[in-house]
């Protein structure tokens, strides 16, 4: 799935949902998919699924979500969208675990035979952690796609701010002075914080 355009990445979930009733609006579906799929896949991996199974769970969850939403089964007055999607994802993970257990030789696998999963509070905590990680990744993608951000400046930030490369080494790699590297780090950090705040607010405004 292609990353959502920046203007859609910062659009509130409520506005995206309102546009989702139009079945032909592939751009909005892509934006919602980009917003939730990485979180669902990461949650599934942390609950014990392999990478390919986790990706399949994410696909199934998003497919079920959009079908249920368009059928009118989501009531905003009864809870947040993220909680609803989390419930679908958790059930889909448990079905995947049951199917995997059957495939490995236990034809009588039942829900109560499955490996213990974290309690609801722990699962919500995992969801929040992966949401924050996904938001940071998306903010970085938006920055990388921004033509007004100089490539050297962004590379210097990534080396020093994300990879903890010493400033002198980063300066040598980027053809900059150490002072320029620190300025680049400060400038990009400030923009990144603003983007993360915008994306978080857009994500959270979902009911």
C-alpha atoms as a PDB file:
ATOM      1  CA  UNK A   1       0.000   0.000   0.000  1.00  0.00           C
ATOM      2  CA  UNK A   2       1.397   3.389  -1.023  1.00  0.00           C
ATOM      3  CA  UNK A   3       1.936   5.959   1.763  1.00  0.00           C
ATOM      4  CA  UNK A   4      -0.871   8.475   2.113  1.00  0.00           C
ATOM      5  CA  UNK A   5      -0.359  11.934   0.712  1.00  0.00           C
ATOM      6  CA  UNK A   6       0.776  14.441   3.384  1.00  0.00           C
ATOM      7  CA  UNK A   7      -2.515  16.374   3.210  1.00  0.00           C
ATOM      8  CA  UNK A   8      -4.409  13.167   4.015  1.00  0.00           C
ATOM      9  CA  UNK A   9      -1.851  12.006   6.568  1.00  0.00           C
ATOM     10  CA  UNK A  10      -2.737  14.996   8.766  1.00  0.00           C
ATOM     11  CA  UNK A  11      -6.485  14.884   8.133  1.00  0.00           C
ATOM     12  CA  UNK A  12      -8.504  13.843  11.178  1.00  0.00           C
ATOM     13  CA  UNK A  13      -9.796  10.297  11.304  1.00  0.00           C
ATOM     14  CA  UNK A  14     -13.352  11.617  11.588  1.00  0.00           C
ATOM     15  CA  UNK A  15     -13.039  13.463   8.275  1.00  0.00           C
ATOM     16  CA  UNK A  16     -11.541  10.397   6.631  1.00  0.00           C
ATOM     17  CA  UNK A  17     -14.400   8.261   7.953  1.00  0.00           C
ATOM     18  CA  UNK A  18     -16.971  10.686   6.598  1.00  0.00           C
ATOM     19  CA  UNK A  19     -15.383  10.377   3.151  1.00  0.00           C
ATOM     20  CA  UNK A  20     -15.106   6.580   3.376  1.00  0.00           C
ATOM     21  CA  UNK A  21     -18.814   6.105   2.657  1.00  0.00           C
ATOM     22  CA  UNK A  22     -17.939   6.898  -0.956  1.00  0.00           C
ATOM     23  CA  UNK A  23     -16.848   3.451  -2.185  1.00  0.00           C
ATOM     24  CA  UNK A  24     -14.931   4.971  -5.084  1.00  0.00           C
ATOM     25  CA  UNK A  25     -12.720   7.135  -2.861  1.00  0.00           C
ATOM     26  CA  UNK A  26      -9.574   5.016  -3.055  1.00  0.00           C
ATOM     27  CA  UNK A  27      -7.374   7.850  -1.792  1.00  0.00           C
ATOM     28  CA  UNK A  28      -9.188   8.048   1.535  1.00  0.00           C
ATOM     29  CA  UNK A  29      -9.162   4.265   1.948  1.00  0.00           C
ATOM     30  CA  UNK A  30      -5.406   4.339   1.279  1.00  0.00           C
ATOM     31  CA  UNK A  31      -4.950   7.001   3.962  1.00  0.00           C
ATOM     32  CA  UNK A  32      -6.880   5.024   6.578  1.00  0.00           C
ATOM     33  CA  UNK A  33      -5.104   1.827   5.619  1.00  0.00           C
ATOM     34  CA  UNK A  34      -1.714   3.540   5.938  1.00  0.00           C
ATOM     35  CA  UNK A  35      -2.763   4.892   9.336  1.00  0.00           C
ATOM     36  CA  UNK A  36      -3.838   1.596  10.917  1.00  0.00           C
ATOM     37  CA  UNK A  37      -2.291  -1.337   9.033  1.00  0.00           C
ATOM     38  CA  UNK A  38       1.286  -0.947  10.398  1.00  0.00           C
ATOM     39  CA  UNK A  39      -0.046  -0.762  13.971  1.00  0.00           C
ATOM     40  CA  UNK A  40      -2.183  -3.877  13.548  1.00  0.00           C
ATOM     41  CA  UNK A  41       0.676  -5.856  11.994  1.00  0.00           C
ATOM     42  CA  UNK A  42       3.061  -4.807  14.760  1.00  0.00           C
ATOM     43  CA  UNK A  43       0.487  -5.723  17.430  1.00  0.00           C
ATOM     44  CA  UNK A  44       0.016  -9.158  15.842  1.00  0.00           C
ATOM     45  CA  UNK A  45       3.766  -9.776  15.811  1.00  0.00           C
ATOM     46  CA  UNK A  46       4.056  -8.804  19.468  1.00  0.00           C
ATOM     47  CA  UNK A  47       1.215 -11.189  20.302  1.00  0.00           C
ATOM     48  CA  UNK A  48       3.215 -14.040  18.776  1.00  0.00           C
ATOM     49  CA  UNK A  49       2.495 -14.257  15.062  1.00  0.00           C
ATOM     50  CA  UNK A  50       5.148 -14.549  12.391  1.00  0.00           C
ATOM     51  CA  UNK A  51       5.678 -11.656   9.988  1.00  0.00           C
ATOM     52  CA  UNK A  52       3.650 -13.123   7.109  1.00  0.00           C
ATOM     53  CA  UNK A  53       0.794 -14.134   9.415  1.00  0.00           C
ATOM     54  CA  UNK A  54       0.813 -10.693  11.045  1.00  0.00           C
ATOM     55  CA  UNK A  55       0.557  -9.008   7.647  1.00  0.00           C
ATOM     56  CA  UNK A  56      -2.360 -11.270   6.764  1.00  0.00           C
ATOM     57  CA  UNK A  57      -4.081 -10.380  10.043  1.00  0.00           C
ATOM     58  CA  UNK A  58      -3.635  -6.686   9.253  1.00  0.00           C
ATOM     59  CA  UNK A  59      -5.170  -7.188   5.808  1.00  0.00           C
ATOM     60  CA  UNK A  60      -8.114  -9.156   7.189  1.00  0.00           C
ATOM     61  CA  UNK A  61      -8.705  -6.642   9.971  1.00  0.00           C
ATOM     62  CA  UNK A  62      -8.782  -3.670   7.607  1.00  0.00           C
ATOM     63  CA  UNK A  63     -11.040  -5.514   5.173  1.00  0.00           C
ATOM     64  CA  UNK A  64     -13.465  -6.405   7.968  1.00  0.00           C
ATOM     65  CA  UNK A  65     -13.306  -2.865   9.326  1.00  0.00           C
ATOM     66  CA  UNK A  66     -14.222  -1.171   6.064  1.00  0.00           C
ATOM     67  CA  UNK A  67     -16.990  -3.705   5.351  1.00  0.00           C
ATOM     68  CA  UNK A  68     -18.499  -3.244   8.816  1.00  0.00           C
ATOM     69  CA  UNK A  69     -18.181   0.538   8.669  1.00  0.00           C
ATOM     70  CA  UNK A  70     -19.904   0.773   5.307  1.00  0.00           C
ATOM     71  CA  UNK A  71     -22.632  -1.550   6.627  1.00  0.00           C
ATOM     72  CA  UNK A  72     -23.279   0.953   9.410  1.00  0.00           C
ATOM     73  CA  UNK A  73     -22.044  -1.273  12.251  1.00  0.00           C
ATOM     74  CA  UNK A  74     -19.812   1.373  13.844  1.00  0.00           C
ATOM     75  CA  UNK A  75     -21.561   3.646  16.348  1.00  0.00           C
ATOM     76  CA  UNK A  76     -19.314   6.593  17.230  1.00  0.00           C
ATOM     77  CA  UNK A  77     -21.342   7.266  20.377  1.00  0.00           C
ATOM     78  CA  UNK A  78     -20.313   3.894  21.850  1.00  0.00           C
ATOM     79  CA  UNK A  79     -16.550   4.218  21.657  1.00  0.00           C
ATOM     80  CA  UNK A  80     -13.484   5.282  19.746  1.00  0.00           C
ATOM     81  CA  UNK A  81     -12.735   3.923  16.311  1.00  0.00           C
ATOM     82  CA  UNK A  82      -9.292   2.788  17.450  1.00  0.00           C
ATOM     83  CA  UNK A  83     -10.892   0.653  20.179  1.00  0.00           C
ATOM     84  CA  UNK A  84     -13.251  -0.908  17.648  1.00  0.00           C
ATOM     85  CA  UNK A  85     -10.413  -1.716  15.246  1.00  0.00           C
ATOM     86  CA  UNK A  86      -8.324  -3.056  18.121  1.00  0.00           C
ATOM     87  CA  UNK A  87     -11.160  -5.448  19.000  1.00  0.00           C
ATOM     88  CA  UNK A  88     -11.356  -6.690  15.411  1.00  0.00           C
ATOM     89  CA  UNK A  89      -7.576  -7.096  15.303  1.00  0.00           C
ATOM     90  CA  UNK A  90      -7.426  -9.041  18.574  1.00  0.00           C
ATOM     91  CA  UNK A  91     -10.134 -11.452  17.439  1.00  0.00           C
ATOM     92  CA  UNK A  92      -8.396 -11.908  14.085  1.00  0.00           C
ATOM     93  CA  UNK A  93      -5.095 -12.655  15.845  1.00  0.00           C
ATOM     94  CA  UNK A  94      -6.758 -15.319  17.988  1.00  0.00           C
ATOM     95  CA  UNK A  95      -8.323 -16.944  14.922  1.00  0.00           C
ATOM     96  CA  UNK A  96      -4.933 -16.945  13.214  1.00  0.00           C
ATOM     97  CA  UNK A  97      -3.322 -18.563  16.256  1.00  0.00           C
ATOM     98  CA  UNK A  98      -6.039 -21.208  16.364  1.00  0.00           C
ATOM     99  CA  UNK A  99      -5.594 -21.953  12.654  1.00  0.00           C
ATOM    100  CA  UNK A 100      -1.827 -22.216  13.086  1.00  0.00           C
ATOM    101  CA  UNK A 101      -2.268 -24.625  15.985  1.00  0.00           C
ATOM    102  CA  UNK A 102      -4.588 -26.793  13.914  1.00  0.00           C
ATOM    103  CA  UNK A 103      -2.106 -26.755  11.036  1.00  0.00           C
ATOM    104  CA  UNK A 104       0.636 -28.037  13.332  1.00  0.00           C
ATOM    105  CA  UNK A 105      -1.350 -31.125  14.281  1.00  0.00           C
ATOM    106  CA  UNK A 106      -4.028 -30.247  16.818  1.00  0.00           C
ATOM    107  CA  UNK A 107      -7.273 -30.551  14.881  1.00  0.00           C
ATOM    108  CA  UNK A 108      -9.311 -29.929  18.043  1.00  0.00           C
ATOM    109  CA  UNK A 109      -7.768 -26.531  18.777  1.00  0.00           C
ATOM    110  CA  UNK A 110     -10.238 -24.280  20.575  1.00  0.00           C
ATOM    111  CA  UNK A 111     -10.103 -20.683  21.729  1.00  0.00           C
ATOM    112  CA  UNK A 112      -9.358 -21.744  25.295  1.00  0.00           C
ATOM    113  CA  UNK A 113      -6.446 -23.910  24.064  1.00  0.00           C
ATOM    114  CA  UNK A 114      -4.624 -20.913  22.632  1.00  0.00           C
ATOM    115  CA  UNK A 115      -1.445 -19.493  24.199  1.00  0.00           C
ATOM    116  CA  UNK A 116      -2.108 -16.901  26.842  1.00  0.00           C
ATOM    117  CA  UNK A 117      -2.277 -13.376  25.474  1.00  0.00           C
ATOM    118  CA  UNK A 118      -1.793 -10.205  27.508  1.00  0.00           C
ATOM    119  CA  UNK A 119      -4.791  -8.767  29.310  1.00  0.00           C
ATOM    120  CA  UNK A 120      -6.827  -5.962  27.763  1.00  0.00           C
ATOM    121  CA  UNK A 121      -4.822  -3.248  29.476  1.00  0.00           C
ATOM    122  CA  UNK A 122      -1.527  -4.675  28.224  1.00  0.00           C
ATOM    123  CA  UNK A 123      -2.870  -5.036  24.694  1.00  0.00           C
ATOM    124  CA  UNK A 124      -4.002  -1.412  24.733  1.00  0.00           C
ATOM    125  CA  UNK A 125      -0.542  -0.429  25.946  1.00  0.00           C
ATOM    126  CA  UNK A 126       1.059  -2.341  23.057  1.00  0.00           C
ATOM    127  CA  UNK A 127      -1.347  -0.634  20.648  1.00  0.00           C
ATOM    128  CA  UNK A 128      -0.387   2.796  22.011  1.00  0.00           C
ATOM    129  CA  UNK A 129       3.329   2.056  21.732  1.00  0.00           C
ATOM    130  CA  UNK A 130       2.997   0.854  18.154  1.00  0.00           C
ATOM    131  CA  UNK A 131       0.747   3.802  17.290  1.00  0.00           C
ATOM    132  CA  UNK A 132       3.417   6.220  18.507  1.00  0.00           C
ATOM    133  CA  UNK A 133       6.066   4.345  16.528  1.00  0.00           C
ATOM    134  CA  UNK A 134       3.906   4.412  13.381  1.00  0.00           C
ATOM    135  CA  UNK A 135       3.261   8.136  13.802  1.00  0.00           C
ATOM    136  CA  UNK A 136       6.991   8.834  14.056  1.00  0.00           C
ATOM    137  CA  UNK A 137       7.666   6.736  10.941  1.00  0.00           C
ATOM    138  CA  UNK A 138       4.966   8.588   9.039  1.00  0.00           C
ATOM    139  CA  UNK A 139       6.301  11.962  10.158  1.00  0.00           C
ATOM    140  CA  UNK A 140       9.743  10.992   8.884  1.00  0.00           C
ATOM    141  CA  UNK A 141       8.245   9.933   5.531  1.00  0.00           C
ATOM    142  CA  UNK A 142       6.476  13.270   5.209  1.00  0.00           C
ATOM    143  CA  UNK A 143       9.752  15.065   5.907  1.00  0.00           C
ATOM    144  CA  UNK A 144      11.643  12.970   3.367  1.00  0.00           C
ATOM    145  CA  UNK A 145       9.013  13.758   0.728  1.00  0.00           C
ATOM    146  CA  UNK A 146       9.106  17.490   1.476  1.00  0.00           C
ATOM    147  CA  UNK A 147      11.001  19.177  -1.344  1.00  0.00           C
ATOM    148  CA  UNK A 148      11.782  22.158   0.903  1.00  0.00           C
ATOM    149  CA  UNK A 149      13.937  19.967   3.171  1.00  0.00           C
ATOM    150  CA  UNK A 150      17.546  19.802   1.991  1.00  0.00           C
ATOM    151  CA  UNK A 151      18.791  16.234   1.597  1.00  0.00           C
ATOM    152  CA  UNK A 152      22.057  16.945   3.410  1.00  0.00           C
ATOM    153  CA  UNK A 153      20.236  18.529   6.314  1.00  0.00           C
ATOM    154  CA  UNK A 154      17.909  15.547   6.646  1.00  0.00           C
ATOM    155  CA  UNK A 155      20.761  13.045   6.367  1.00  0.00           C
ATOM    156  CA  UNK A 156      22.726  14.874   9.072  1.00  0.00           C
ATOM    157  CA  UNK A 157      19.688  14.713  11.363  1.00  0.00           C
ATOM    158  CA  UNK A 158      19.149  11.009  10.689  1.00  0.00           C
ATOM    159  CA  UNK A 159      22.784  10.196  11.416  1.00  0.00           C
ATOM    160  CA  UNK A 160      23.025  12.196  14.641  1.00  0.00           C
ATOM    161  CA  UNK A 161      19.433  12.223  15.870  1.00  0.00           C
ATOM    162  CA  UNK A 162      18.311   8.718  14.923  1.00  0.00           C
ATOM    163  CA  UNK A 163      21.462   6.613  14.632  1.00  0.00           C
ATOM    164  CA  UNK A 164      23.513   8.340  17.359  1.00  0.00           C
ATOM    165  CA  UNK A 165      26.473   8.838  15.007  1.00  0.00           C
ATOM    166  CA  UNK A 166      28.982  11.312  16.520  1.00  0.00           C
ATOM    167  CA  UNK A 167      28.586  14.808  15.081  1.00  0.00           C
ATOM    168  CA  UNK A 168      32.137  14.862  13.686  1.00  0.00           C
ATOM    169  CA  UNK A 169      31.541  11.626  11.738  1.00  0.00           C
ATOM    170  CA  UNK A 170      28.190  12.872  10.479  1.00  0.00           C
ATOM    171  CA  UNK A 171      29.805  16.125   9.369  1.00  0.00           C
ATOM    172  CA  UNK A 172      32.438  14.217   7.391  1.00  0.00           C
ATOM    173  CA  UNK A 173      29.817  12.004   5.739  1.00  0.00           C
ATOM    174  CA  UNK A 174      27.582  14.932   4.814  1.00  0.00           C
ATOM    175  CA  UNK A 175      30.270  17.408   3.779  1.00  0.00           C
ATOM    176  CA  UNK A 176      29.248  19.809   6.538  1.00  0.00           C
ATOM    177  CA  UNK A 177      30.869  21.443   9.526  1.00  0.00           C
ATOM    178  CA  UNK A 178      30.071  20.153  13.008  1.00  0.00           C
ATOM    179  CA  UNK A 179      28.202  23.378  13.737  1.00  0.00           C
ATOM    180  CA  UNK A 180      26.104  22.875  10.607  1.00  0.00           C
ATOM    181  CA  UNK A 181      25.273  19.353  11.741  1.00  0.00           C
ATOM    182  CA  UNK A 182      23.998  20.636  15.082  1.00  0.00           C
ATOM    183  CA  UNK A 183      21.933  23.312  13.334  1.00  0.00           C
ATOM    184  CA  UNK A 184      20.497  20.657  11.012  1.00  0.00           C
ATOM    185  CA  UNK A 185      19.624  18.440  13.963  1.00  0.00           C
ATOM    186  CA  UNK A 186      17.898  21.294  15.780  1.00  0.00           C
ATOM    187  CA  UNK A 187      15.969  22.432  12.695  1.00  0.00           C
ATOM    188  CA  UNK A 188      14.721  18.981  11.716  1.00  0.00           C
ATOM    189  CA  UNK A 189      13.932  18.014  15.324  1.00  0.00           C
ATOM    190  CA  UNK A 190      11.694  21.068  15.615  1.00  0.00           C
ATOM    191  CA  UNK A 191       9.866  20.264  12.370  1.00  0.00           C
ATOM    192  CA  UNK A 192       9.558  16.620  13.329  1.00  0.00           C
ATOM    193  CA  UNK A 193       7.986  17.479  16.695  1.00  0.00           C
ATOM    194  CA  UNK A 194       5.421  19.679  14.955  1.00  0.00           C
ATOM    195  CA  UNK A 195       4.580  16.936  12.467  1.00  0.00           C
ATOM    196  CA  UNK A 196       4.284  14.297  15.178  1.00  0.00           C
ATOM    197  CA  UNK A 197       1.914  16.551  17.113  1.00  0.00           C
ATOM    198  CA  UNK A 198      -0.234  17.158  14.009  1.00  0.00           C
ATOM    199  CA  UNK A 199      -0.351  13.464  13.131  1.00  0.00           C
ATOM    200  CA  UNK A 200      -1.144  12.461  16.714  1.00  0.00           C
ATOM    201  CA  UNK A 201      -3.994  14.963  16.912  1.00  0.00           C
ATOM    202  CA  UNK A 202      -5.326  13.743  13.550  1.00  0.00           C
ATOM    203  CA  UNK A 203      -5.122  10.127  14.684  1.00  0.00           C
ATOM    204  CA  UNK A 204      -6.713  10.718  18.075  1.00  0.00           C
ATOM    205  CA  UNK A 205      -9.658  12.753  16.776  1.00  0.00           C
ATOM    206  CA  UNK A 206     -11.570   9.652  15.773  1.00  0.00           C
ATOM    207  CA  UNK A 207     -14.950   9.888  17.457  1.00  0.00           C
END
